[in-house]
Structure formats: structure tokens, C-alpha cells
Amino acid sequence: MKLLVRDRMLGIGDDYWIEDDQGRKVFFVDGKAMRLRDTFELKDMQGRVLIDIKAKMLALRDTMLIEREGEPLARVKRKRLSLLRNHYRVELVDGTELDVSGKILDREFAIEYDGELLADISRRWFRVRETYGLHVVREDADPALLLAVAVCVIRLAEKERGED
């Protein structure tokens, strides 16, 4: 599955669709405006909230939380003691850890589990400047979760760089 994501998705208050590689609308992003922290909702075609993304307040390191149906699903933060600046860890509530690394700000990175590629994020597939693709490699992977992870690491990398 390949998804087309517009970079403005990271704008608080912006609402728009994420399409598949055939141009069909797959997910709706509802960027919540007028909140004290970054908040996004990822919805399906029927308007049901699949994923909530929130910036964690009062954390020593910038952290973003991913929730499903009001329950914590994952915590995303920059990996400590990594030689790579663009290296993030995703801790799922079941104890599973995902590894995210690459050129985050250039939208060229990968999401892996135990050394196996789950998703590849890249701009190279598209000619539109403000667009990147998320290619879900494993059929049993959760596209909504992987999309949320990509949004979180991009947002965290931009905040770290001062593009807030």
C-alpha cells in the first residue's frame, strides 16, 4: 500500500485527505486548532477516529503520544545515545519497539521492527514538491499506525530544528 501525504499535514488546524497511489481518499486528517499542544486526528472514510496524535506536555524530551479509542498505543521520541541525529524510537504499549531512521526532514526514512522494514517514506516517488509517499511494505502492518509514526517523527524533528 502506498499513501500520498501532503506536507502541510503538519499544520495545526489544517484538514485534508490522504490518498492512495490510485488517487482514492483513504484517511482524513483533522488538525485540531486552538489547542495548547499539537493534536491531530486520523479518521477513516466514515469519519471514525482511528488514531489520535498528541504532543506530550511536561516531558524532559519532546515526546508524542499515539492513542487508539482513547487508550495509549505508542510513545514516540528521539533515541538516546544514537550516533544518528535522525533516529527515533517508537514504544508500543505491548512492549514492541519500532525503529525509525533516515533523513527525517528530507522525508527519506524507514520504519523497522527488529531489522525488518515495515514502511518506507520518500519524496522521490512524486513530482509535487510538498508531497511524500508512505509505502507500507508488510501486508499485516497497520497503515494508520505507521502514518501516525511518520507524522510524529517529522513533527519532532522539525521542533528540534526550530521549525515550530
N, C-alpha and C. Protein backbone atom coordinates (compact mmCIF):
# COMPACT_ATOMS: atom_id res chain seq x y z
N MET A 1 0.85 -1.18 0.00
CA MET A 1 0.00 0.00 0.00
C MET A 1 0.89 1.24 0.00
N LYS A 2 0.61 2.16 -0.91
CA LYS A 2 1.31 3.43 -0.95
C LYS A 2 0.31 4.54 -0.68
N LEU A 3 0.70 5.46 0.19
CA LEU A 3 -0.14 6.60 0.53
C LEU A 3 0.55 7.88 0.11
N LEU A 4 -0.23 8.84 -0.35
CA LEU A 4 0.26 10.15 -0.75
C LEU A 4 -0.07 11.13 0.37
N VAL A 5 0.97 11.74 0.95
CA VAL A 5 0.79 12.63 2.09
C VAL A 5 1.29 14.02 1.72
N ARG A 6 0.45 15.01 1.93
CA ARG A 6 0.84 16.40 1.69
C ARG A 6 1.56 16.91 2.93
N ASP A 7 2.69 17.58 2.72
CA ASP A 7 3.50 18.05 3.85
C ASP A 7 2.76 19.00 4.76
N ARG A 8 1.80 19.72 4.27
CA ARG A 8 1.08 20.66 5.13
C ARG A 8 0.30 19.94 6.21
N MET A 9 0.29 18.60 6.15
CA MET A 9 -0.40 17.82 7.17
C MET A 9 0.04 18.22 8.58
N LEU A 10 1.23 18.73 8.68
CA LEU A 10 1.75 19.07 10.00
C LEU A 10 1.27 20.43 10.48
N GLY A 11 0.44 21.09 9.71
CA GLY A 11 -0.09 22.38 10.13
C GLY A 11 -1.29 22.20 11.05
N ILE A 12 -1.20 22.73 12.25
CA ILE A 12 -2.31 22.64 13.19
C ILE A 12 -3.49 23.42 12.61
N GLY A 13 -4.65 22.81 12.65
CA GLY A 13 -5.84 23.45 12.13
C GLY A 13 -6.14 23.09 10.69
N ASP A 14 -5.20 22.43 10.01
CA ASP A 14 -5.43 22.02 8.64
C ASP A 14 -6.18 20.70 8.59
N ASP A 15 -7.14 20.63 7.71
CA ASP A 15 -7.89 19.41 7.47
C ASP A 15 -7.70 19.02 6.01
N TYR A 16 -7.42 17.77 5.72
CA TYR A 16 -7.29 17.31 4.35
C TYR A 16 -7.25 15.80 4.28
N TRP A 17 -7.28 15.30 3.05
CA TRP A 17 -7.33 13.87 2.79
C TRP A 17 -5.95 13.32 2.46
N ILE A 18 -5.74 12.08 2.81
CA ILE A 18 -4.58 11.32 2.38
C ILE A 18 -5.10 10.30 1.37
N GLU A 19 -4.43 10.24 0.23
CA GLU A 19 -4.89 9.37 -0.85
C GLU A 19 -3.97 8.18 -1.03
N ASP A 20 -4.49 7.13 -1.68
CA ASP A 20 -3.63 6.00 -2.03
C ASP A 20 -2.99 6.30 -3.39
N ASP A 21 -2.20 5.37 -3.90
CA ASP A 21 -1.48 5.62 -5.15
C ASP A 21 -2.41 5.63 -6.37
N GLN A 22 -3.68 5.32 -6.18
CA GLN A 22 -4.67 5.39 -7.26
C GLN A 22 -5.49 6.69 -7.19
N GLY A 23 -5.18 7.56 -6.22
CA GLY A 23 -5.89 8.82 -6.06
C GLY A 23 -7.17 8.72 -5.26
N ARG A 24 -7.44 7.56 -4.65
CA ARG A 24 -8.64 7.39 -3.82
C ARG A 24 -8.37 7.91 -2.42
N LYS A 25 -9.33 8.61 -1.85
CA LYS A 25 -9.22 9.10 -0.48
C LYS A 25 -9.26 7.92 0.48
N VAL A 26 -8.29 7.87 1.41
CA VAL A 26 -8.18 6.75 2.34
C VAL A 26 -8.35 7.20 3.78
N PHE A 27 -7.65 8.27 4.15
CA PHE A 27 -7.70 8.80 5.51
C PHE A 27 -7.98 10.29 5.47
N PHE A 28 -8.63 10.79 6.50
CA PHE A 28 -8.87 12.22 6.66
C PHE A 28 -8.10 12.70 7.88
N VAL A 29 -7.35 13.78 7.72
CA VAL A 29 -6.59 14.35 8.83
C VAL A 29 -7.32 15.56 9.34
N ASP A 30 -7.61 15.55 10.62
CA ASP A 30 -8.28 16.65 11.28
C ASP A 30 -7.28 17.27 12.25
N GLY A 31 -6.67 18.38 11.83
CA GLY A 31 -5.71 19.09 12.68
C GLY A 31 -6.47 20.00 13.62
N LYS A 32 -6.43 19.72 14.88
CA LYS A 32 -7.22 20.48 15.86
C LYS A 32 -6.59 21.85 16.11
N ALA A 33 -7.35 22.90 15.85
CA ALA A 33 -6.88 24.26 16.07
C ALA A 33 -7.24 24.71 17.49
N MET A 34 -6.58 25.75 17.92
CA MET A 34 -6.86 26.39 19.20
C MET A 34 -6.62 25.47 20.39
N ARG A 35 -5.63 24.65 20.31
CA ARG A 35 -5.24 23.81 21.43
C ARG A 35 -3.87 24.26 21.91
N LEU A 36 -3.54 23.94 23.15
CA LEU A 36 -2.25 24.33 23.70
C LEU A 36 -1.11 23.43 23.22
N ARG A 37 -1.46 22.29 22.65
CA ARG A 37 -0.42 21.38 22.17
C ARG A 37 -0.82 20.85 20.80
N ASP A 38 0.17 20.27 20.11
CA ASP A 38 -0.10 19.67 18.80
C ASP A 38 -1.08 18.53 18.98
N THR A 39 -2.14 18.54 18.20
CA THR A 39 -3.14 17.48 18.25
C THR A 39 -3.65 17.22 16.84
N PHE A 40 -3.67 15.97 16.45
CA PHE A 40 -4.20 15.56 15.16
C PHE A 40 -5.10 14.35 15.37
N GLU A 41 -6.11 14.23 14.52
CA GLU A 41 -6.92 13.02 14.49
C GLU A 41 -6.83 12.46 13.07
N LEU A 42 -6.62 11.17 12.99
CA LEU A 42 -6.62 10.47 11.72
C LEU A 42 -7.93 9.68 11.65
N LYS A 43 -8.74 9.99 10.63
CA LYS A 43 -10.07 9.39 10.53
C LYS A 43 -10.18 8.54 9.27
N ASP A 44 -11.12 7.59 9.31
CA ASP A 44 -11.39 6.78 8.12
C ASP A 44 -12.41 7.50 7.25
N MET A 45 -12.82 6.86 6.17
CA MET A 45 -13.74 7.47 5.21
C MET A 45 -15.11 7.79 5.82
N GLN A 46 -15.49 7.08 6.87
CA GLN A 46 -16.78 7.32 7.52
C GLN A 46 -16.69 8.35 8.65
N GLY A 47 -15.51 8.91 8.86
CA GLY A 47 -15.34 9.92 9.89
C GLY A 47 -15.01 9.37 11.27
N ARG A 48 -14.81 8.07 11.38
CA ARG A 48 -14.43 7.47 12.67
C ARG A 48 -12.97 7.76 12.96
N VAL A 49 -12.68 8.16 14.20
CA VAL A 49 -11.31 8.44 14.60
C VAL A 49 -10.57 7.12 14.77
N LEU A 50 -9.50 6.94 13.99
CA LEU A 50 -8.67 5.74 14.06
C LEU A 50 -7.50 5.94 15.02
N ILE A 51 -6.92 7.12 14.96
CA ILE A 51 -5.71 7.43 15.73
C ILE A 51 -5.78 8.88 16.20
N ASP A 52 -5.39 9.11 17.46
CA ASP A 52 -5.17 10.46 17.99
C ASP A 52 -3.67 10.63 18.16
N ILE A 53 -3.15 11.78 17.76
CA ILE A 53 -1.74 12.09 17.93
C ILE A 53 -1.65 13.35 18.78
N LYS A 54 -0.86 13.28 19.84
CA LYS A 54 -0.74 14.42 20.76
C LYS A 54 0.71 14.60 21.18
N ALA A 55 1.11 15.86 21.33
CA ALA A 55 2.42 16.15 21.90
C ALA A 55 2.29 16.02 23.41
N LYS A 56 3.24 15.31 24.01
CA LYS A 56 3.20 15.12 25.45
C LYS A 56 3.69 16.40 26.13
N MET A 57 2.92 16.86 27.07
CA MET A 57 3.29 18.06 27.81
C MET A 57 4.15 17.68 29.01
N LEU A 58 5.03 18.57 29.43
CA LEU A 58 5.86 18.40 30.61
C LEU A 58 6.73 17.15 30.56
N ALA A 59 7.38 16.92 29.43
CA ALA A 59 8.31 15.80 29.29
C ALA A 59 9.73 16.37 29.20
N LEU A 60 10.71 15.62 29.72
CA LEU A 60 12.09 16.07 29.65
C LEU A 60 12.56 16.16 28.19
N ARG A 61 12.16 15.18 27.39
CA ARG A 61 12.46 15.20 25.96
C ARG A 61 11.15 15.30 25.21
N ASP A 62 11.21 15.95 24.06
CA ASP A 62 9.99 16.02 23.25
C ASP A 62 9.50 14.62 22.96
N THR A 63 8.22 14.42 23.21
CA THR A 63 7.59 13.12 23.04
C THR A 63 6.21 13.33 22.44
N MET A 64 5.83 12.43 21.56
CA MET A 64 4.47 12.46 21.02
C MET A 64 3.80 11.15 21.37
N LEU A 65 2.50 11.25 21.66
CA LEU A 65 1.72 10.08 22.05
C LEU A 65 0.73 9.74 20.95
N ILE A 66 0.57 8.45 20.71
CA ILE A 66 -0.40 7.95 19.75
C ILE A 66 -1.42 7.14 20.54
N GLU A 67 -2.70 7.47 20.35
CA GLU A 67 -3.77 6.76 21.06
C GLU A 67 -4.75 6.18 20.06
N ARG A 68 -5.38 5.10 20.47
CA ARG A 68 -6.47 4.50 19.68
C ARG A 68 -7.64 4.29 20.62
N GLU A 69 -8.78 4.83 20.24
CA GLU A 69 -10.01 4.73 21.04
C GLU A 69 -9.80 5.18 22.48
N GLY A 70 -9.04 6.27 22.65
CA GLY A 70 -8.82 6.84 23.96
C GLY A 70 -7.78 6.13 24.80
N GLU A 71 -7.22 5.05 24.30
CA GLU A 71 -6.22 4.28 25.04
C GLU A 71 -4.84 4.50 24.42
N PRO A 72 -3.79 4.59 25.25
CA PRO A 72 -2.44 4.73 24.71
C PRO A 72 -2.08 3.57 23.79
N LEU A 73 -1.44 3.89 22.69
CA LEU A 73 -0.99 2.88 21.74
C LEU A 73 0.53 2.89 21.61
N ALA A 74 1.11 4.11 21.55
CA ALA A 74 2.56 4.22 21.36
C ALA A 74 3.07 5.57 21.84
N ARG A 75 4.36 5.59 22.13
CA ARG A 75 5.08 6.81 22.53
C ARG A 75 6.26 6.93 21.56
N VAL A 76 6.42 8.14 20.99
CA VAL A 76 7.48 8.38 20.01
C VAL A 76 8.42 9.45 20.55
N LYS A 77 9.72 9.13 20.52
CA LYS A 77 10.72 10.11 20.96
C LYS A 77 12.05 9.82 20.29
N ARG A 78 12.93 10.83 20.31
CA ARG A 78 14.25 10.64 19.70
C ARG A 78 15.03 9.63 20.53
N LYS A 79 15.74 8.78 19.84
CA LYS A 79 16.51 7.74 20.50
C LYS A 79 17.70 8.36 21.23
N ARG A 80 17.90 7.95 22.45
CA ARG A 80 19.05 8.44 23.23
C ARG A 80 20.33 7.77 22.77
N LEU A 81 21.42 8.47 22.94
CA LEU A 81 22.76 7.94 22.69
C LEU A 81 22.92 7.33 21.30
N SER A 82 22.25 7.90 20.34
CA SER A 82 22.38 7.42 18.96
C SER A 82 23.37 8.29 18.22
N LEU A 83 24.21 7.66 17.43
CA LEU A 83 25.15 8.42 16.61
C LEU A 83 24.42 9.13 15.47
N LEU A 84 23.26 8.62 15.13
CA LEU A 84 22.46 9.24 14.09
C LEU A 84 21.52 10.26 14.71
N ARG A 85 21.56 11.49 14.21
CA ARG A 85 20.70 12.52 14.77
C ARG A 85 19.23 12.24 14.48
N ASN A 86 18.96 11.69 13.32
CA ASN A 86 17.59 11.41 12.92
C ASN A 86 17.23 9.95 13.19
N HIS A 87 17.22 9.61 14.45
CA HIS A 87 16.94 8.23 14.86
C HIS A 87 15.91 8.29 16.01
N TYR A 88 14.76 7.68 15.78
CA TYR A 88 13.67 7.76 16.75
C TYR A 88 13.23 6.36 17.16
N ARG A 89 12.68 6.28 18.36
CA ARG A 89 12.17 5.02 18.90
C ARG A 89 10.67 5.16 19.12
N VAL A 90 9.96 4.11 18.75
CA VAL A 90 8.51 4.05 18.97
C VAL A 90 8.28 2.89 19.93
N GLU A 91 7.77 3.21 21.11
CA GLU A 91 7.49 2.19 22.12
C GLU A 91 5.99 1.93 22.14
N LEU A 92 5.59 0.75 21.66
CA LEU A 92 4.17 0.36 21.70
C LEU A 92 3.83 -0.13 23.09
N VAL A 93 2.57 -0.01 23.47
CA VAL A 93 2.17 -0.37 24.83
C VAL A 93 2.35 -1.86 25.11
N ASP A 94 2.40 -2.70 24.08
CA ASP A 94 2.60 -4.13 24.29
C ASP A 94 4.07 -4.50 24.47
N GLY A 95 4.96 -3.49 24.49
CA GLY A 95 6.39 -3.74 24.68
C GLY A 95 7.18 -3.79 23.38
N THR A 96 6.51 -3.83 22.26
CA THR A 96 7.18 -3.84 20.96
C THR A 96 7.83 -2.49 20.71
N GLU A 97 9.02 -2.51 20.09
CA GLU A 97 9.69 -1.27 19.74
C GLU A 97 9.91 -1.21 18.23
N LEU A 98 9.60 -0.06 17.66
CA LEU A 98 9.89 0.20 16.26
C LEU A 98 11.04 1.18 16.19
N ASP A 99 11.83 1.07 15.15
CA ASP A 99 12.98 1.93 14.95
C ASP A 99 12.74 2.78 13.70
N VAL A 100 12.96 4.08 13.83
CA VAL A 100 12.77 5.00 12.71
C VAL A 100 14.08 5.74 12.49
N SER A 101 14.62 5.66 11.27
CA SER A 101 15.86 6.36 11.00
C SER A 101 15.96 6.74 9.53
N GLY A 102 16.78 7.74 9.27
CA GLY A 102 16.98 8.24 7.92
C GLY A 102 17.01 9.76 7.94
N LYS A 103 16.76 10.35 6.82
CA LYS A 103 16.75 11.80 6.68
C LYS A 103 15.32 12.28 6.88
N ILE A 104 14.95 12.46 8.15
CA ILE A 104 13.57 12.78 8.51
C ILE A 104 13.09 14.06 7.83
N LEU A 105 13.87 15.13 7.95
CA LEU A 105 13.45 16.42 7.41
C LEU A 105 13.40 16.42 5.88
N ASP A 106 14.15 15.52 5.25
CA ASP A 106 14.10 15.38 3.79
C ASP A 106 13.01 14.41 3.35
N ARG A 107 12.29 13.83 4.32
CA ARG A 107 11.23 12.84 4.05
C ARG A 107 11.78 11.62 3.33
N GLU A 108 12.94 11.14 3.80
CA GLU A 108 13.57 9.94 3.27
C GLU A 108 13.99 9.09 4.48
N PHE A 109 13.06 8.26 4.98
CA PHE A 109 13.38 7.46 6.15
C PHE A 109 12.59 6.16 6.15
N ALA A 110 12.91 5.30 7.10
CA ALA A 110 12.29 3.98 7.17
C ALA A 110 11.78 3.70 8.58
N ILE A 111 10.74 2.89 8.65
CA ILE A 111 10.21 2.40 9.93
C ILE A 111 10.44 0.89 9.93
N GLU A 112 11.16 0.41 10.96
CA GLU A 112 11.51 -1.01 11.02
C GLU A 112 11.11 -1.62 12.35
N TYR A 113 10.91 -2.92 12.31
CA TYR A 113 10.70 -3.71 13.52
C TYR A 113 11.70 -4.85 13.50
N ASP A 114 12.57 -4.89 14.49
CA ASP A 114 13.55 -5.97 14.63
C ASP A 114 14.35 -6.17 13.33
N GLY A 115 14.75 -5.06 12.71
CA GLY A 115 15.55 -5.11 11.49
C GLY A 115 14.77 -5.36 10.22
N GLU A 116 13.45 -5.54 10.31
CA GLU A 116 12.62 -5.79 9.13
C GLU A 116 11.87 -4.51 8.76
N LEU A 117 11.93 -4.15 7.49
CA LEU A 117 11.28 -2.94 7.01
C LEU A 117 9.76 -3.09 7.05
N LEU A 118 9.10 -2.14 7.71
CA LEU A 118 7.63 -2.08 7.73
C LEU A 118 7.10 -1.05 6.75
N ALA A 119 7.79 0.11 6.69
CA ALA A 119 7.35 1.19 5.81
C ALA A 119 8.53 2.03 5.38
N ASP A 120 8.44 2.52 4.17
CA ASP A 120 9.45 3.39 3.58
C ASP A 120 8.77 4.71 3.27
N ILE A 121 9.36 5.81 3.73
CA ILE A 121 8.80 7.14 3.50
C ILE A 121 9.75 7.86 2.55
N SER A 122 9.21 8.44 1.48
CA SER A 122 10.08 9.05 0.49
C SER A 122 9.34 10.10 -0.34
N ARG A 123 10.10 11.10 -0.76
CA ARG A 123 9.61 12.11 -1.70
C ARG A 123 9.93 11.73 -3.14
N ARG A 124 10.84 10.79 -3.32
CA ARG A 124 11.35 10.51 -4.66
C ARG A 124 10.29 9.94 -5.61
N TRP A 125 9.17 9.46 -5.11
CA TRP A 125 8.12 8.90 -5.97
C TRP A 125 7.24 9.96 -6.61
N PHE A 126 7.31 11.20 -6.09
CA PHE A 126 6.36 12.22 -6.52
C PHE A 126 7.07 13.45 -7.06
N ARG A 127 6.45 14.09 -8.02
CA ARG A 127 6.99 15.33 -8.58
C ARG A 127 6.49 16.56 -7.83
N VAL A 128 5.40 16.41 -7.12
CA VAL A 128 4.84 17.53 -6.37
C VAL A 128 5.75 17.83 -5.19
N ARG A 129 6.18 19.07 -5.06
CA ARG A 129 7.18 19.45 -4.07
C ARG A 129 6.75 19.19 -2.62
N GLU A 130 5.55 19.50 -2.27
CA GLU A 130 5.11 19.39 -0.88
C GLU A 130 4.43 18.05 -0.59
N THR A 131 4.91 16.99 -1.22
CA THR A 131 4.28 15.69 -1.08
C THR A 131 5.33 14.61 -0.82
N TYR A 132 4.97 13.64 -0.01
CA TYR A 132 5.82 12.46 0.16
C TYR A 132 4.93 11.23 0.20
N GLY A 133 5.56 10.10 -0.02
CA GLY A 133 4.81 8.85 -0.02
C GLY A 133 5.18 7.99 1.17
N LEU A 134 4.23 7.23 1.62
CA LEU A 134 4.46 6.24 2.67
C LEU A 134 4.09 4.89 2.05
N HIS A 135 5.10 4.06 1.87
CA HIS A 135 4.91 2.74 1.27
C HIS A 135 4.93 1.71 2.39
N VAL A 136 3.77 1.12 2.67
CA VAL A 136 3.66 0.08 3.70
C VAL A 136 4.09 -1.22 3.04
N VAL A 137 5.19 -1.79 3.51
CA VAL A 137 5.79 -2.95 2.89
C VAL A 137 5.12 -4.25 3.31
N ARG A 138 4.83 -4.39 4.59
CA ARG A 138 4.22 -5.63 5.08
C ARG A 138 2.70 -5.54 5.02
N GLU A 139 2.08 -6.57 4.49
CA GLU A 139 0.63 -6.59 4.36
C GLU A 139 -0.08 -6.62 5.72
N ASP A 140 0.55 -7.19 6.73
CA ASP A 140 -0.08 -7.29 8.05
C ASP A 140 0.19 -6.07 8.93
N ALA A 141 0.89 -5.08 8.39
CA ALA A 141 1.19 -3.86 9.16
C ALA A 141 -0.04 -2.97 9.21
N ASP A 142 -0.11 -2.13 10.23
CA ASP A 142 -1.23 -1.20 10.44
C ASP A 142 -0.89 0.14 9.76
N PRO A 143 -1.49 0.43 8.59
CA PRO A 143 -1.15 1.67 7.88
C PRO A 143 -1.44 2.93 8.69
N ALA A 144 -2.53 2.95 9.45
CA ALA A 144 -2.85 4.13 10.25
C ALA A 144 -1.78 4.38 11.31
N LEU A 145 -1.31 3.33 11.96
CA LEU A 145 -0.25 3.47 12.96
C LEU A 145 1.04 3.95 12.31
N LEU A 146 1.42 3.37 11.18
CA LEU A 146 2.66 3.76 10.52
C LEU A 146 2.59 5.20 10.02
N LEU A 147 1.44 5.61 9.55
CA LEU A 147 1.25 7.00 9.15
C LEU A 147 1.40 7.93 10.35
N ALA A 148 0.80 7.55 11.47
CA ALA A 148 0.91 8.35 12.70
C ALA A 148 2.37 8.44 13.16
N VAL A 149 3.10 7.35 13.08
CA VAL A 149 4.53 7.35 13.45
C VAL A 149 5.29 8.33 12.56
N ALA A 150 5.04 8.28 11.25
CA ALA A 150 5.73 9.19 10.33
C ALA A 150 5.43 10.65 10.68
N VAL A 151 4.17 10.96 10.94
CA VAL A 151 3.79 12.33 11.30
C VAL A 151 4.52 12.76 12.58
N CYS A 152 4.57 11.88 13.56
CA CYS A 152 5.21 12.21 14.84
C CYS A 152 6.70 12.49 14.68
N VAL A 153 7.43 11.62 13.98
CA VAL A 153 8.87 11.84 13.87
C VAL A 153 9.19 13.10 13.06
N ILE A 154 8.39 13.37 12.04
CA ILE A 154 8.60 14.61 11.27
C ILE A 154 8.36 15.82 12.17
N ARG A 155 7.28 15.79 12.92
CA ARG A 155 6.97 16.91 13.82
C ARG A 155 8.06 17.09 14.88
N LEU A 156 8.52 16.00 15.47
CA LEU A 156 9.58 16.09 16.48
C LEU A 156 10.89 16.62 15.88
N ALA A 157 11.24 16.17 14.68
CA ALA A 157 12.46 16.63 14.03
C ALA A 157 12.37 18.12 13.71
N GLU A 158 11.20 18.57 13.27
CA GLU A 158 11.02 19.99 12.98
C GLU A 158 11.09 20.84 14.23
N LYS A 159 10.51 20.35 15.32
CA LYS A 159 10.57 21.10 16.59
C LYS A 159 12.02 21.19 17.08
N GLU A 160 12.75 20.10 16.95
CA GLU A 160 14.14 20.08 17.38
C GLU A 160 14.99 21.06 16.57
N ARG A 161 14.66 21.16 15.29
CA ARG A 161 15.39 22.06 14.41
C ARG A 161 14.94 23.51 14.57
N GLY A 162 13.84 23.74 15.25
CA GLY A 162 13.34 25.09 15.48
C GLY A 162 12.38 25.57 14.42
N GLU A 163 11.76 24.64 13.69
CA GLU A 163 10.79 25.00 12.65
C GLU A 163 9.38 24.98 13.21
N ASP A 164 9.25 25.21 14.45
CA ASP A 164 7.97 25.12 15.16
C ASP A 164 7.01 26.15 14.73
